[in-house]
C-alpha atoms as a PDB file:
ATOM      1  CA  MET A   1     -14.546 -22.202   4.074  1.00  0.00           C
ATOM      2  CA  SER A   2     -11.335 -21.280   5.163  1.00  0.00           C
ATOM      3  CA  THR A   3     -12.219 -19.364   8.214  1.00  0.00           C
ATOM      4  CA  ASP A   4     -14.181 -22.309   9.060  1.00  0.00           C
ATOM      5  CA  LEU A   5     -11.253 -24.545   8.898  1.00  0.00           C
ATOM      6  CA  ILE A   6      -8.896 -22.294  10.762  1.00  0.00           C
ATOM      7  CA  THR A   7     -11.874 -22.066  13.880  1.00  0.00           C
ATOM      8  CA  ILE A   8     -12.001 -25.678  13.451  1.00  0.00           C
ATOM      9  CA  ALA A   9      -8.035 -26.550  13.669  1.00  0.00           C
ATOM     10  CA  LYS A  10      -7.847 -23.789  16.639  1.00  0.00           C
ATOM     11  CA  GLN A  11     -10.604 -25.873  18.518  1.00  0.00           C
ATOM     12  CA  CYS A  12      -9.795 -29.350  17.868  1.00  0.00           C
ATOM     13  CA  PRO A  13      -5.623 -28.924  16.965  1.00  0.00           C
ATOM     14  CA  ASP A  14      -5.065 -32.547  17.439  1.00  0.00           C
ATOM     15  CA  LEU A  15      -7.897 -33.804  14.739  1.00  0.00           C
ATOM     16  CA  VAL A  16      -6.369 -35.521  12.257  1.00  0.00           C
ATOM     17  CA  VAL A  17      -7.926 -34.871   8.405  1.00  0.00           C
ATOM     18  CA  SER A  18      -7.274 -37.524   5.333  1.00  0.00           C
ATOM     19  CA  ILE A  19      -6.767 -35.447   1.910  1.00  0.00           C
ATOM     20  CA  LYS A  20      -6.165 -37.001  -1.133  1.00  0.00           C
ATOM     21  CA  LEU A  21      -3.073 -35.876  -3.343  1.00  0.00           C
ATOM     22  CA  GLY A  22      -4.519 -34.543  -6.256  1.00  0.00           C
ATOM     23  CA  ASP A  23      -7.039 -32.159  -3.489  1.00  0.00           C
ATOM     24  CA  LEU A  24      -4.351 -30.877  -1.693  1.00  0.00           C
ATOM     25  CA  VAL A  25      -2.206 -30.099  -4.871  1.00  0.00           C
ATOM     26  CA  GLU A  26      -5.093 -28.206  -6.345  1.00  0.00           C
ATOM     27  CA  ALA A  27      -6.037 -26.551  -3.052  1.00  0.00           C
ATOM     28  CA  ASN A  28      -1.877 -25.204  -2.896  1.00  0.00           C
ATOM     29  CA  MET A  29      -2.215 -23.885  -6.329  1.00  0.00           C
ATOM     30  CA  LEU A  30      -5.280 -21.992  -5.497  1.00  0.00           C
ATOM     31  CA  LEU A  31      -3.670 -20.528  -2.701  1.00  0.00           C
ATOM     32  CA  ILE A  32      -0.845 -19.436  -4.248  1.00  0.00           C
ATOM     33  CA  ALA A  33      -2.668 -17.927  -7.327  1.00  0.00           C
ATOM     34  CA  GLU A  34      -4.390 -15.647  -4.334  1.00  0.00           C
ATOM     35  CA  THR A  35      -1.574 -14.791  -2.563  1.00  0.00           C
ATOM     36  CA  LYS A  36      -0.048 -13.822  -6.264  1.00  0.00           C
ATOM     37  CA  ARG A  37      -3.125 -11.772  -7.208  1.00  0.00           C
ATOM     38  CA  GLU A  38      -3.280 -10.238  -3.721  1.00  0.00           C
ATOM     39  CA  LEU A  39       0.453  -9.310  -3.468  1.00  0.00           C
ATOM     40  CA  GLU A  40       0.126  -8.249  -7.151  1.00  0.00           C
ATOM     41  CA  GLN A  41      -2.680  -6.288  -6.249  1.00  0.00           C
ATOM     42  CA  MET A  42      -0.442  -4.260  -3.014  1.00  0.00           C
ATOM     43  CA  ILE A  43       2.225  -3.658  -5.725  1.00  0.00           C
ATOM     44  CA  THR A  44       0.065  -1.798  -8.381  1.00  0.00           C
ATOM     45  CA  ASP A  45      -1.283  -0.135  -5.119  1.00  0.00           C
ATOM     46  CA  GLN A  46       2.142   1.243  -3.575  1.00  0.00           C
ATOM     47  CA  ASN A  47       3.038   2.485  -7.204  1.00  0.00           C
ATOM     48  CA  ALA A  48      -0.007   4.105  -8.108  1.00  0.00           C
ATOM     49  CA  GLU A  49       0.652   7.768  -7.810  1.00  0.00           C
ATOM     50  CA  THR A  50      -1.471  10.030  -5.248  1.00  0.00           C
ATOM     51  CA  TYR A  51      -2.242  13.647  -4.701  1.00  0.00           C
ATOM     52  CA  PRO A  52      -2.624  14.335  -1.077  1.00  0.00           C
ATOM     53  CA  SER A  53      -3.506  18.355   0.106  1.00  0.00           C
ATOM     54  CA  ARG A  54      -0.841  20.875   0.931  1.00  0.00           C
ATOM     55  CA  GLU A  55      -1.928  20.453   4.875  1.00  0.00           C
ATOM     56  CA  LYS A  56      -1.591  16.638   4.637  1.00  0.00           C
ATOM     57  CA  VAL A  57       1.709  17.705   2.819  1.00  0.00           C
ATOM     58  CA  MET A  58       2.695  19.917   5.815  1.00  0.00           C
ATOM     59  CA  GLU A  59       2.088  17.018   8.297  1.00  0.00           C
ATOM     60  CA  MET A  60       4.086  14.431   6.705  1.00  0.00           C
ATOM     61  CA  LEU A  61       7.144  16.185   6.425  1.00  0.00           C
ATOM     62  CA  ASP A  62       6.443  18.437   9.423  1.00  0.00           C
ATOM     63  CA  VAL A  63       6.924  21.425   8.087  1.00  0.00           C
ATOM     64  CA  SER A  64       5.343  24.955   8.264  1.00  0.00           C
ATOM     65  CA  GLN A  65       3.271  26.642   5.382  1.00  0.00           C
ATOM     66  CA  ALA A  66       7.030  28.657   5.105  1.00  0.00           C
ATOM     67  CA  THR A  67       8.799  26.201   4.338  1.00  0.00           C
ATOM     68  CA  MET A  68       6.310  24.970   2.120  1.00  0.00           C
ATOM     69  CA  TRP A  69       6.575  28.476  -0.073  1.00  0.00           C
ATOM     70  CA  ARG A  70      10.475  28.340  -0.085  1.00  0.00           C
ATOM     71  CA  TRP A  71      10.322  24.873  -1.448  1.00  0.00           C
ATOM     72  CA  GLN A  72       7.569  25.706  -4.026  1.00  0.00           C
ATOM     73  CA  LYS A  73       9.975  29.174  -5.168  1.00  0.00           C
ATOM     74  CA  SER A  74      12.989  27.466  -5.347  1.00  0.00           C
ATOM     75  CA  GLY A  75      11.567  24.298  -7.155  1.00  0.00           C
ATOM     76  CA  TYR A  76      12.251  21.801  -4.629  1.00  0.00           C
ATOM     77  CA  LEU A  77       8.925  20.468  -3.990  1.00  0.00           C
ATOM     78  CA  VAL A  78       6.191  22.555  -6.444  1.00  0.00           C
ATOM     79  CA  PRO A  79       2.318  21.383  -6.462  1.00  0.00           C
ATOM     80  CA  ILE A  80       0.283  20.930  -9.063  1.00  0.00           C
ATOM     81  CA  ASN A  81      -3.642  21.279 -10.396  1.00  0.00           C
ATOM     82  CA  VAL A  82      -5.732  18.471  -9.620  1.00  0.00           C
ATOM     83  CA  GLY A  83      -9.239  19.129  -9.992  1.00  0.00           C
ATOM     84  CA  GLY A  84      -9.155  22.585  -9.659  1.00  0.00           C
ATOM     85  CA  LYS A  85      -6.814  22.080  -6.656  1.00  0.00           C
ATOM     86  CA  ARG A  86      -3.512  22.689  -5.343  1.00  0.00           C
ATOM     87  CA  ARG A  87      -2.029  19.104  -4.930  1.00  0.00           C
ATOM     88  CA  TYR A  88       1.161  17.447  -4.474  1.00  0.00           C
ATOM     89  CA  ARG A  89       2.869  14.066  -6.672  1.00  0.00           C
ATOM     90  CA  MET A  90       3.223  12.132  -3.431  1.00  0.00           C
ATOM     91  CA  SER A  91       6.256  10.433  -5.833  1.00  0.00           C
ATOM     92  CA  ASP A  92       7.449  14.219  -4.884  1.00  0.00           C
ATOM     93  CA  VAL A  93       6.853  13.923  -1.116  1.00  0.00           C
ATOM     94  CA  LYS A  94       8.731  10.413  -0.849  1.00  0.00           C
ATOM     95  CA  ARG A  95      11.752  11.422  -2.649  1.00  0.00           C
ATOM     96  CA  ILE A  96      11.972  14.347  -0.114  1.00  0.00           C
ATOM     97  CA  LEU A  97      11.147  11.452   2.451  1.00  0.00           C
ATOM     98  CA  GLU A  98      14.005   8.977   1.370  1.00  0.00           C
ATOM     99  CA  GLY A  99      16.102  12.394   1.673  1.00  0.00           C
ATOM    100  CA  GLU A 100      16.927  13.410  -2.165  1.00  0.00           C
ATOM    101  CA  LYS A 101      17.272  16.268  -3.294  1.00  0.00           C
END
């Protein structure tokens, strides 16, 4: 429905619409609630741990296999086993991207 209203608003920008105050308040409350749900989901998705492959991490950090090996040996960036595959914690990769040791 909101897409229809947007289309109408674009086609008829001077159109005057009459609405009861109670309906306007209700519409705003629904909009606020939906926006809140979307923002909460975005925050949850950003905080969720992901486990990219070595190739993906090498691409993100722009480093070679030799660097990945050195980092693993020094404990700077250590892979874990996820489902029988060697993966890296995205939180560890973000730590490196943000310049932390």
